[in-house]
Amino acid sequence: MAEQEQLTSVGDGWKFQLVNDQLLITAQSDPGTQVQLSPQATVALLSYLTNHKDALYWAAYQGARQEPEPDSEGQHLHSDEEDPGF
């Protein structure tokens, strides 16, 4: 059965692909540098990123804005709060 690509996105030198339920993260500068995550590992990564999104936002934008933009529900998770689930 041939691989079926579902989604591709490129950002800051990295290519993100969802192929056959696997998340592939590939360096654009060196396609041999790749991480392949199972659906379970991808959900764990998503949970981690969600729990740390404020810190990651500030690191990415170095405090360029007054306040981080609220998520779609207007709530922010902090590292001491539990993930509500998906």
N, C-alpha and C. Protein backbone atom coordinates (compact mmCIF):
# COMPACT_ATOMS: atom_id res chain seq x y z
N MET A 1 0.84 -1.18 0.00
CA MET A 1 0.00 0.00 0.00
C MET A 1 0.88 1.24 0.00
N ALA A 2 0.63 2.17 -0.88
CA ALA A 2 1.44 3.38 -0.99
C ALA A 2 1.13 4.33 0.16
N GLU A 3 2.16 5.10 0.54
CA GLU A 3 1.96 6.09 1.58
C GLU A 3 1.01 7.16 1.08
N GLN A 4 0.14 7.62 1.95
CA GLN A 4 -0.80 8.66 1.59
C GLN A 4 -0.55 9.88 2.45
N GLU A 5 -0.07 10.95 1.83
CA GLU A 5 0.21 12.18 2.56
C GLU A 5 -1.10 12.90 2.83
N GLN A 6 -1.28 13.33 4.07
CA GLN A 6 -2.52 13.98 4.45
C GLN A 6 -2.33 15.48 4.64
N LEU A 7 -1.19 15.91 5.13
CA LEU A 7 -0.98 17.32 5.43
C LEU A 7 0.50 17.62 5.43
N THR A 8 0.89 18.74 4.81
CA THR A 8 2.27 19.19 4.82
C THR A 8 2.30 20.66 5.19
N SER A 9 3.21 21.03 6.06
CA SER A 9 3.40 22.41 6.46
C SER A 9 4.89 22.66 6.63
N VAL A 10 5.33 23.88 6.34
CA VAL A 10 6.74 24.24 6.46
C VAL A 10 6.85 25.45 7.35
N GLY A 11 7.79 25.42 8.29
CA GLY A 11 7.99 26.56 9.17
C GLY A 11 9.38 26.59 9.74
N ASP A 12 10.04 27.72 9.62
CA ASP A 12 11.33 27.99 10.23
C ASP A 12 12.36 26.90 9.99
N GLY A 13 12.42 26.42 8.72
CA GLY A 13 13.44 25.44 8.36
C GLY A 13 13.05 24.00 8.61
N TRP A 14 11.81 23.76 9.00
CA TRP A 14 11.34 22.41 9.28
C TRP A 14 10.11 22.10 8.44
N LYS A 15 10.01 20.87 8.00
CA LYS A 15 8.86 20.40 7.23
C LYS A 15 8.09 19.42 8.11
N PHE A 16 6.80 19.65 8.24
CA PHE A 16 5.92 18.81 9.04
C PHE A 16 4.96 18.09 8.11
N GLN A 17 4.90 16.77 8.21
CA GLN A 17 4.01 15.98 7.37
C GLN A 17 3.26 14.98 8.23
N LEU A 18 1.99 14.81 7.94
CA LEU A 18 1.20 13.76 8.54
C LEU A 18 0.97 12.72 7.46
N VAL A 19 1.64 11.57 7.61
CA VAL A 19 1.59 10.52 6.60
C VAL A 19 1.20 9.21 7.29
N ASN A 20 0.12 8.63 6.82
CA ASN A 20 -0.35 7.35 7.40
C ASN A 20 -0.38 7.40 8.92
N ASP A 21 -0.94 8.46 9.46
CA ASP A 21 -1.10 8.66 10.91
C ASP A 21 0.22 8.89 11.66
N GLN A 22 1.32 9.02 10.95
CA GLN A 22 2.62 9.29 11.56
C GLN A 22 3.00 10.75 11.30
N LEU A 23 3.49 11.45 12.33
CA LEU A 23 3.97 12.81 12.15
C LEU A 23 5.46 12.74 11.82
N LEU A 24 5.82 13.27 10.65
CA LEU A 24 7.22 13.32 10.24
C LEU A 24 7.68 14.77 10.34
N ILE A 25 8.79 14.99 11.03
CA ILE A 25 9.40 16.31 11.15
C ILE A 25 10.78 16.19 10.52
N THR A 26 11.00 16.97 9.45
CA THR A 26 12.23 16.86 8.66
C THR A 26 12.90 18.21 8.53
N ALA A 27 14.21 18.26 8.75
CA ALA A 27 14.98 19.49 8.57
C ALA A 27 15.07 19.77 7.07
N GLN A 28 14.74 20.99 6.65
CA GLN A 28 14.83 21.33 5.24
C GLN A 28 16.29 21.39 4.78
N SER A 29 17.18 21.77 5.67
CA SER A 29 18.60 21.87 5.30
C SER A 29 19.27 20.50 5.19
N ASP A 30 18.71 19.49 5.85
CA ASP A 30 19.28 18.14 5.80
C ASP A 30 18.14 17.14 5.89
N PRO A 31 17.56 16.75 4.76
CA PRO A 31 16.43 15.83 4.77
C PRO A 31 16.69 14.51 5.48
N GLY A 32 17.96 14.18 5.71
CA GLY A 32 18.28 12.97 6.46
C GLY A 32 18.02 13.12 7.95
N THR A 33 17.84 14.36 8.40
CA THR A 33 17.52 14.62 9.80
C THR A 33 16.01 14.64 9.93
N GLN A 34 15.48 13.55 10.48
CA GLN A 34 14.03 13.38 10.54
C GLN A 34 13.61 12.68 11.82
N VAL A 35 12.47 13.09 12.34
CA VAL A 35 11.85 12.43 13.48
C VAL A 35 10.49 11.93 13.02
N GLN A 36 10.17 10.70 13.38
CA GLN A 36 8.87 10.12 13.04
C GLN A 36 8.17 9.78 14.36
N LEU A 37 6.97 10.35 14.55
CA LEU A 37 6.23 10.14 15.79
C LEU A 37 4.95 9.36 15.53
N SER A 38 4.67 8.41 16.41
CA SER A 38 3.42 7.66 16.35
C SER A 38 2.27 8.60 16.75
N PRO A 39 1.04 8.22 16.49
CA PRO A 39 -0.08 9.05 16.92
C PRO A 39 -0.06 9.31 18.44
N GLN A 40 0.30 8.30 19.22
CA GLN A 40 0.35 8.47 20.67
C GLN A 40 1.44 9.46 21.08
N ALA A 41 2.60 9.36 20.45
CA ALA A 41 3.69 10.29 20.76
C ALA A 41 3.34 11.70 20.30
N THR A 42 2.63 11.81 19.18
CA THR A 42 2.21 13.12 18.68
C THR A 42 1.24 13.78 19.65
N VAL A 43 0.30 13.02 20.20
CA VAL A 43 -0.65 13.56 21.18
C VAL A 43 0.10 13.97 22.45
N ALA A 44 1.09 13.20 22.87
CA ALA A 44 1.89 13.57 24.04
C ALA A 44 2.66 14.86 23.78
N LEU A 45 3.21 15.01 22.58
CA LEU A 45 3.91 16.25 22.21
C LEU A 45 2.94 17.42 22.19
N LEU A 46 1.77 17.22 21.62
CA LEU A 46 0.76 18.27 21.57
C LEU A 46 0.35 18.70 22.97
N SER A 47 0.19 17.76 23.86
CA SER A 47 -0.15 18.07 25.25
C SER A 47 0.96 18.88 25.91
N TYR A 48 2.21 18.46 25.71
CA TYR A 48 3.35 19.18 26.27
C TYR A 48 3.39 20.61 25.75
N LEU A 49 3.25 20.78 24.43
CA LEU A 49 3.28 22.11 23.83
C LEU A 49 2.13 22.97 24.32
N THR A 50 0.96 22.38 24.48
CA THR A 50 -0.20 23.11 25.00
C THR A 50 0.06 23.59 26.43
N ASN A 51 0.63 22.72 27.24
CA ASN A 51 0.91 23.08 28.63
C ASN A 51 1.98 24.17 28.76
N HIS A 52 2.80 24.33 27.75
CA HIS A 52 3.90 25.30 27.79
C HIS A 52 3.76 26.41 26.74
N LYS A 53 2.55 26.59 26.22
CA LYS A 53 2.39 27.51 25.09
C LYS A 53 2.72 28.95 25.44
N ASP A 54 2.42 29.41 26.65
CA ASP A 54 2.74 30.79 27.02
C ASP A 54 4.25 31.02 27.02
N ALA A 55 4.99 30.10 27.64
CA ALA A 55 6.45 30.24 27.69
C ALA A 55 7.04 30.16 26.28
N LEU A 56 6.50 29.28 25.44
CA LEU A 56 6.99 29.16 24.07
C LEU A 56 6.66 30.41 23.26
N TYR A 57 5.49 30.96 23.49
CA TYR A 57 5.11 32.20 22.79
C TYR A 57 6.10 33.31 23.13
N TRP A 58 6.38 33.49 24.42
CA TRP A 58 7.29 34.55 24.85
C TRP A 58 8.71 34.30 24.34
N ALA A 59 9.13 33.05 24.32
CA ALA A 59 10.46 32.74 23.79
C ALA A 59 10.54 33.04 22.30
N ALA A 60 9.47 32.74 21.56
CA ALA A 60 9.46 32.96 20.12
C ALA A 60 9.41 34.44 19.76
N TYR A 61 8.65 35.20 20.52
CA TYR A 61 8.45 36.61 20.18
C TYR A 61 9.16 37.56 21.13
N GLN A 62 9.89 37.05 22.10
CA GLN A 62 10.69 37.82 23.05
C GLN A 62 9.92 39.00 23.64
N GLY A 63 8.67 38.73 24.01
CA GLY A 63 7.85 39.76 24.67
C GLY A 63 7.48 40.91 23.77
N ALA A 64 7.43 40.70 22.46
CA ALA A 64 7.15 41.80 21.52
C ALA A 64 5.75 42.37 21.70
N ARG A 65 4.82 41.58 22.23
CA ARG A 65 3.45 42.04 22.44
C ARG A 65 3.19 42.19 23.92
N GLN A 66 2.21 42.98 24.26
CA GLN A 66 1.85 43.20 25.66
C GLN A 66 1.33 41.92 26.31
N GLU A 67 0.40 41.26 25.64
CA GLU A 67 -0.24 40.06 26.18
C GLU A 67 -0.25 38.98 25.11
N PRO A 68 -0.08 37.73 25.51
CA PRO A 68 -0.25 36.66 24.52
C PRO A 68 -1.71 36.63 24.07
N GLU A 69 -1.93 36.27 22.81
CA GLU A 69 -3.29 36.18 22.32
C GLU A 69 -3.97 34.99 22.96
N PRO A 70 -5.23 35.15 23.39
CA PRO A 70 -5.94 34.02 23.98
C PRO A 70 -6.22 32.95 22.94
N ASP A 71 -6.31 31.70 23.40
CA ASP A 71 -6.66 30.65 22.46
C ASP A 71 -8.13 30.77 22.11
N SER A 72 -8.64 29.85 21.33
CA SER A 72 -10.00 29.96 20.81
C SER A 72 -11.05 29.98 21.92
N GLU A 73 -10.74 29.45 23.09
CA GLU A 73 -11.69 29.45 24.19
C GLU A 73 -11.38 30.55 25.20
N GLY A 74 -10.34 31.34 24.94
CA GLY A 74 -10.01 32.43 25.84
C GLY A 74 -9.37 31.99 27.13
N GLN A 75 -8.83 30.78 27.16
CA GLN A 75 -8.21 30.26 28.37
C GLN A 75 -6.76 29.93 28.09
N HIS A 76 -5.94 29.99 29.13
CA HIS A 76 -4.53 29.62 29.01
C HIS A 76 -4.25 28.51 30.01
N LEU A 77 -3.55 27.49 29.56
CA LEU A 77 -3.10 26.44 30.47
C LEU A 77 -1.75 26.82 31.03
N HIS A 78 -1.54 26.55 32.27
CA HIS A 78 -0.25 26.78 32.90
C HIS A 78 0.34 25.44 33.26
N SER A 79 1.64 25.40 33.47
CA SER A 79 2.34 24.14 33.71
C SER A 79 1.78 23.36 34.89
N ASP A 80 1.12 24.04 35.84
CA ASP A 80 0.60 23.33 37.01
C ASP A 80 -0.84 22.89 36.81
N GLU A 81 -1.45 23.17 35.65
CA GLU A 81 -2.80 22.75 35.37
C GLU A 81 -2.79 21.48 34.54
N GLU A 82 -3.81 20.66 34.73
CA GLU A 82 -3.89 19.44 33.95
C GLU A 82 -4.44 19.73 32.58
N ASP A 83 -4.01 18.93 31.61
CA ASP A 83 -4.52 19.02 30.26
C ASP A 83 -5.97 18.54 30.26
N PRO A 84 -6.89 19.31 29.66
CA PRO A 84 -8.29 18.92 29.68
C PRO A 84 -8.59 17.72 28.79
N GLY A 85 -7.65 17.30 27.96
CA GLY A 85 -7.86 16.17 27.05
C GLY A 85 -8.26 16.66 25.69
N PHE A 86 -8.33 15.75 24.76
CA PHE A 86 -8.66 16.12 23.38
C PHE A 86 -9.89 15.44 22.92
